[in-house]
Amino acid sequence: MQQFNNEIQSLKNIVRVGIVSKVNSENKTARVQIPEQGIVTSELKIVQNMPKIEIKNKDDTLSDYNVEIEQWLPQVGQWVVCLFYPDGDGDGFILGGI
């Protein structure tokens, strides 16, 4: 039973939810406050997910439009989901906003 509890705790340390406290848009990183643990992370890399955008007319034909897409960056104060390496060094990634 103790081993099971240790494994559950390890998983809790890998996936965490927190509040963005600082964004470095140039490096595509951010620091996150984890309220339940009372810590602020080092700069975490922000995962890049480019959306597929397809614009269709009412008759289902494709249209030509100039569309600019910017990479999503969280804002200070936004809740985010973070994924950390299990080695405990605090390195990880911001997966997205909540």
N, C-alpha and C. Protein backbone atom coordinates (compact mmCIF):
# COMPACT_ATOMS: atom_id res chain seq x y z
N MET A 1 0.83 -1.20 0.00
CA MET A 1 0.00 0.00 0.00
C MET A 1 0.87 1.27 0.00
N GLN A 2 1.99 1.23 0.73
CA GLN A 2 2.89 2.38 0.80
C GLN A 2 3.46 2.70 -0.59
N GLN A 3 3.81 1.64 -1.34
CA GLN A 3 4.34 1.86 -2.69
C GLN A 3 3.29 2.53 -3.57
N PHE A 4 2.04 2.12 -3.46
CA PHE A 4 0.95 2.73 -4.22
C PHE A 4 0.82 4.21 -3.87
N ASN A 5 0.88 4.55 -2.59
CA ASN A 5 0.79 5.95 -2.15
C ASN A 5 1.95 6.77 -2.69
N ASN A 6 3.14 6.18 -2.73
CA ASN A 6 4.31 6.88 -3.28
C ASN A 6 4.14 7.15 -4.77
N GLU A 7 3.57 6.18 -5.49
CA GLU A 7 3.35 6.36 -6.92
C GLU A 7 2.31 7.45 -7.18
N ILE A 8 1.26 7.48 -6.38
CA ILE A 8 0.24 8.53 -6.52
C ILE A 8 0.86 9.90 -6.26
N GLN A 9 1.70 10.01 -5.24
CA GLN A 9 2.35 11.29 -4.93
C GLN A 9 3.26 11.71 -6.08
N SER A 10 3.97 10.75 -6.68
CA SER A 10 4.83 11.06 -7.81
C SER A 10 4.04 11.63 -8.98
N LEU A 11 2.87 11.04 -9.25
CA LEU A 11 2.02 11.55 -10.33
C LEU A 11 1.52 12.96 -10.01
N LYS A 12 1.19 13.22 -8.76
CA LYS A 12 0.74 14.56 -8.37
C LYS A 12 1.85 15.59 -8.59
N ASN A 13 3.09 15.18 -8.46
CA ASN A 13 4.21 16.10 -8.66
C ASN A 13 4.53 16.31 -10.14
N ILE A 14 4.07 15.41 -11.00
CA ILE A 14 4.35 15.53 -12.43
C ILE A 14 3.36 16.49 -13.10
N VAL A 15 2.08 16.39 -12.78
CA VAL A 15 1.06 17.25 -13.36
C VAL A 15 0.56 18.20 -12.27
N ARG A 16 0.70 19.51 -12.52
CA ARG A 16 0.27 20.50 -11.53
C ARG A 16 -0.48 21.63 -12.22
N VAL A 17 -1.34 22.26 -11.46
CA VAL A 17 -2.11 23.41 -11.95
C VAL A 17 -1.65 24.62 -11.15
N GLY A 18 -1.43 25.74 -11.86
CA GLY A 18 -0.98 26.94 -11.17
C GLY A 18 -1.38 28.20 -11.90
N ILE A 19 -0.89 29.32 -11.36
CA ILE A 19 -1.22 30.65 -11.88
C ILE A 19 0.06 31.28 -12.44
N VAL A 20 -0.02 31.77 -13.66
CA VAL A 20 1.14 32.40 -14.30
C VAL A 20 1.51 33.67 -13.54
N SER A 21 2.78 33.77 -13.15
CA SER A 21 3.24 34.95 -12.42
C SER A 21 4.14 35.85 -13.27
N LYS A 22 4.73 35.30 -14.32
CA LYS A 22 5.61 36.10 -15.19
C LYS A 22 5.71 35.41 -16.54
N VAL A 23 5.68 36.19 -17.63
CA VAL A 23 5.80 35.65 -18.99
C VAL A 23 7.01 36.28 -19.67
N ASN A 24 7.82 35.43 -20.29
CA ASN A 24 8.94 35.90 -21.09
C ASN A 24 8.61 35.56 -22.54
N SER A 25 8.00 36.52 -23.26
CA SER A 25 7.52 36.25 -24.61
C SER A 25 8.68 36.00 -25.59
N GLU A 26 9.82 36.60 -25.34
CA GLU A 26 10.96 36.40 -26.24
C GLU A 26 11.46 34.96 -26.19
N ASN A 27 11.53 34.37 -25.00
CA ASN A 27 12.01 33.00 -24.84
C ASN A 27 10.89 31.96 -24.91
N LYS A 28 9.62 32.42 -24.98
CA LYS A 28 8.46 31.52 -24.96
C LYS A 28 8.45 30.67 -23.69
N THR A 29 8.65 31.35 -22.54
CA THR A 29 8.64 30.69 -21.25
C THR A 29 7.79 31.50 -20.27
N ALA A 30 7.46 30.87 -19.15
CA ALA A 30 6.72 31.57 -18.11
C ALA A 30 7.00 30.92 -16.76
N ARG A 31 6.84 31.71 -15.71
CA ARG A 31 6.94 31.20 -14.33
C ARG A 31 5.53 31.02 -13.81
N VAL A 32 5.34 29.97 -13.01
CA VAL A 32 4.01 29.62 -12.53
C VAL A 32 4.04 29.45 -11.01
N GLN A 33 3.07 30.07 -10.35
CA GLN A 33 2.90 29.89 -8.92
C GLN A 33 2.00 28.67 -8.71
N ILE A 34 2.47 27.73 -7.89
CA ILE A 34 1.69 26.53 -7.56
C ILE A 34 1.15 26.73 -6.15
N PRO A 35 -0.08 27.24 -6.01
CA PRO A 35 -0.60 27.60 -4.69
C PRO A 35 -0.62 26.46 -3.69
N GLU A 36 -0.96 25.26 -4.13
CA GLU A 36 -1.09 24.14 -3.19
C GLU A 36 0.25 23.76 -2.56
N GLN A 37 1.35 24.10 -3.23
CA GLN A 37 2.68 23.79 -2.68
C GLN A 37 3.42 25.03 -2.21
N GLY A 38 2.86 26.20 -2.46
CA GLY A 38 3.49 27.44 -2.02
C GLY A 38 4.80 27.74 -2.70
N ILE A 39 4.93 27.38 -3.98
CA ILE A 39 6.17 27.61 -4.71
C ILE A 39 5.90 28.38 -6.00
N VAL A 40 6.97 28.97 -6.54
CA VAL A 40 6.95 29.55 -7.89
C VAL A 40 8.00 28.79 -8.69
N THR A 41 7.63 28.32 -9.85
CA THR A 41 8.54 27.52 -10.67
C THR A 41 9.63 28.38 -11.29
N SER A 42 10.63 27.71 -11.83
CA SER A 42 11.58 28.39 -12.70
C SER A 42 10.85 28.64 -14.02
N GLU A 43 11.53 29.20 -15.00
CA GLU A 43 10.87 29.45 -16.28
C GLU A 43 10.58 28.12 -16.97
N LEU A 44 9.31 27.90 -17.28
CA LEU A 44 8.86 26.68 -17.95
C LEU A 44 8.64 26.98 -19.43
N LYS A 45 9.00 26.04 -20.28
CA LYS A 45 8.77 26.20 -21.72
C LYS A 45 7.28 26.08 -22.01
N ILE A 46 6.80 26.88 -22.94
CA ILE A 46 5.40 26.86 -23.34
C ILE A 46 5.28 25.99 -24.58
N VAL A 47 4.47 24.95 -24.49
CA VAL A 47 4.28 24.02 -25.62
C VAL A 47 3.60 24.75 -26.76
N GLN A 48 4.10 24.56 -27.96
CA GLN A 48 3.54 25.21 -29.14
C GLN A 48 2.58 24.25 -29.84
N ASN A 49 1.35 24.67 -30.00
CA ASN A 49 0.36 23.91 -30.75
C ASN A 49 -0.26 24.84 -31.78
N MET A 50 0.11 24.63 -33.02
CA MET A 50 -0.44 25.47 -34.08
C MET A 50 -1.77 24.88 -34.53
N PRO A 51 -2.81 25.69 -34.52
CA PRO A 51 -4.13 25.17 -34.92
C PRO A 51 -4.25 25.05 -36.44
N LYS A 52 -5.10 24.14 -36.85
CA LYS A 52 -5.44 24.04 -38.27
C LYS A 52 -6.67 24.90 -38.47
N ILE A 53 -6.57 25.85 -39.38
CA ILE A 53 -7.70 26.75 -39.64
C ILE A 53 -8.11 26.59 -41.09
N GLU A 54 -9.38 26.33 -41.28
CA GLU A 54 -9.93 26.19 -42.61
C GLU A 54 -11.20 27.02 -42.66
N ILE A 55 -11.26 27.94 -43.61
CA ILE A 55 -12.42 28.82 -43.72
C ILE A 55 -13.22 28.40 -44.95
N LYS A 56 -14.48 28.08 -44.73
CA LYS A 56 -15.34 27.64 -45.83
C LYS A 56 -16.50 28.61 -46.00
N ASN A 57 -16.96 28.73 -47.23
CA ASN A 57 -18.17 29.48 -47.52
C ASN A 57 -19.37 28.64 -47.14
N LYS A 58 -20.54 29.23 -47.20
CA LYS A 58 -21.77 28.51 -46.87
C LYS A 58 -21.99 27.30 -47.78
N ASP A 59 -21.47 27.37 -49.00
CA ASP A 59 -21.65 26.24 -49.93
C ASP A 59 -20.52 25.21 -49.81
N ASP A 60 -19.73 25.29 -48.74
CA ASP A 60 -18.66 24.33 -48.42
C ASP A 60 -17.43 24.45 -49.32
N THR A 61 -17.32 25.53 -50.10
CA THR A 61 -16.11 25.72 -50.89
C THR A 61 -15.10 26.49 -50.05
N LEU A 62 -13.84 26.20 -50.30
CA LEU A 62 -12.78 26.89 -49.56
C LEU A 62 -12.62 28.31 -50.07
N SER A 63 -12.27 29.22 -49.18
CA SER A 63 -12.06 30.61 -49.54
C SER A 63 -10.62 31.00 -49.29
N ASP A 64 -10.15 32.00 -50.01
CA ASP A 64 -8.81 32.52 -49.80
C ASP A 64 -8.88 33.76 -48.93
N TYR A 65 -8.25 33.70 -47.78
CA TYR A 65 -8.17 34.84 -46.86
C TYR A 65 -6.76 34.90 -46.32
N ASN A 66 -6.31 36.08 -46.01
CA ASN A 66 -5.04 36.23 -45.31
C ASN A 66 -5.33 36.13 -43.82
N VAL A 67 -4.78 35.12 -43.19
CA VAL A 67 -5.00 34.90 -41.77
C VAL A 67 -3.65 34.88 -41.08
N GLU A 68 -3.51 35.68 -40.03
CA GLU A 68 -2.28 35.66 -39.25
C GLU A 68 -2.56 34.94 -37.94
N ILE A 69 -1.71 33.99 -37.63
CA ILE A 69 -1.86 33.21 -36.40
C ILE A 69 -0.64 33.45 -35.54
N GLU A 70 -0.87 33.84 -34.31
CA GLU A 70 0.23 34.04 -33.37
C GLU A 70 0.23 32.89 -32.38
N GLN A 71 1.43 32.55 -31.93
CA GLN A 71 1.54 31.49 -30.92
C GLN A 71 0.85 31.94 -29.64
N TRP A 72 0.14 31.02 -29.01
CA TRP A 72 -0.52 31.33 -27.74
C TRP A 72 0.53 31.50 -26.65
N LEU A 73 0.41 32.56 -25.90
CA LEU A 73 1.20 32.77 -24.70
C LEU A 73 0.23 33.05 -23.56
N PRO A 74 0.45 32.47 -22.40
CA PRO A 74 -0.45 32.75 -21.29
C PRO A 74 -0.27 34.17 -20.80
N GLN A 75 -1.25 34.65 -20.07
CA GLN A 75 -1.18 35.98 -19.48
C GLN A 75 -0.95 35.84 -17.99
N VAL A 76 -0.30 36.84 -17.39
CA VAL A 76 -0.11 36.84 -15.94
C VAL A 76 -1.48 36.76 -15.28
N GLY A 77 -1.61 35.87 -14.31
CA GLY A 77 -2.87 35.68 -13.61
C GLY A 77 -3.71 34.54 -14.17
N GLN A 78 -3.33 34.01 -15.33
CA GLN A 78 -4.10 32.92 -15.94
C GLN A 78 -3.72 31.58 -15.32
N TRP A 79 -4.73 30.72 -15.12
CA TRP A 79 -4.50 29.36 -14.64
C TRP A 79 -4.02 28.50 -15.80
N VAL A 80 -3.00 27.66 -15.54
CA VAL A 80 -2.44 26.80 -16.57
C VAL A 80 -2.19 25.40 -16.01
N VAL A 81 -2.09 24.43 -16.92
CA VAL A 81 -1.71 23.06 -16.57
C VAL A 81 -0.25 22.88 -16.94
N CYS A 82 0.53 22.34 -16.00
CA CYS A 82 1.96 22.16 -16.21
C CYS A 82 2.33 20.69 -16.10
N LEU A 83 3.33 20.29 -16.86
CA LEU A 83 3.84 18.92 -16.83
C LEU A 83 5.32 19.01 -16.47
N PHE A 84 5.72 18.30 -15.41
CA PHE A 84 7.10 18.35 -14.93
C PHE A 84 7.79 17.01 -15.14
N TYR A 85 9.10 17.07 -15.34
CA TYR A 85 9.89 15.84 -15.39
C TYR A 85 9.82 15.16 -14.02
N PRO A 86 9.79 13.84 -13.98
CA PRO A 86 9.66 13.15 -12.70
C PRO A 86 10.94 13.14 -11.86
N ASP A 87 12.04 13.71 -12.36
CA ASP A 87 13.29 13.67 -11.60
C ASP A 87 13.33 14.66 -10.43
N GLY A 88 12.31 15.55 -10.34
CA GLY A 88 12.23 16.44 -9.20
C GLY A 88 13.03 17.72 -9.32
N ASP A 89 13.66 17.98 -10.47
CA ASP A 89 14.47 19.19 -10.63
C ASP A 89 13.63 20.43 -10.90
N GLY A 90 12.35 20.26 -11.18
CA GLY A 90 11.47 21.40 -11.42
C GLY A 90 11.40 21.85 -12.86
N ASP A 91 12.09 21.15 -13.76
CA ASP A 91 12.00 21.49 -15.18
C ASP A 91 10.70 20.92 -15.74
N GLY A 92 10.07 21.69 -16.63
CA GLY A 92 8.84 21.21 -17.21
C GLY A 92 8.30 22.10 -18.29
N PHE A 93 7.00 21.94 -18.55
CA PHE A 93 6.34 22.62 -19.65
C PHE A 93 4.97 23.13 -19.23
N ILE A 94 4.53 24.19 -19.87
CA ILE A 94 3.15 24.65 -19.73
C ILE A 94 2.40 24.08 -20.92
N LEU A 95 1.39 23.26 -20.62
CA LEU A 95 0.63 22.59 -21.69
C LEU A 95 -0.46 23.46 -22.27
N GLY A 96 -1.06 24.31 -21.44
CA GLY A 96 -2.15 25.16 -21.93
C GLY A 96 -2.88 25.81 -20.80
N GLY A 97 -3.77 26.72 -21.17
CA GLY A 97 -4.57 27.45 -20.18
C GLY A 97 -5.83 26.68 -19.80
N ILE A 98 -6.37 27.07 -18.68
CA ILE A 98 -7.62 26.45 -18.21
C ILE A 98 -8.74 27.46 -18.38
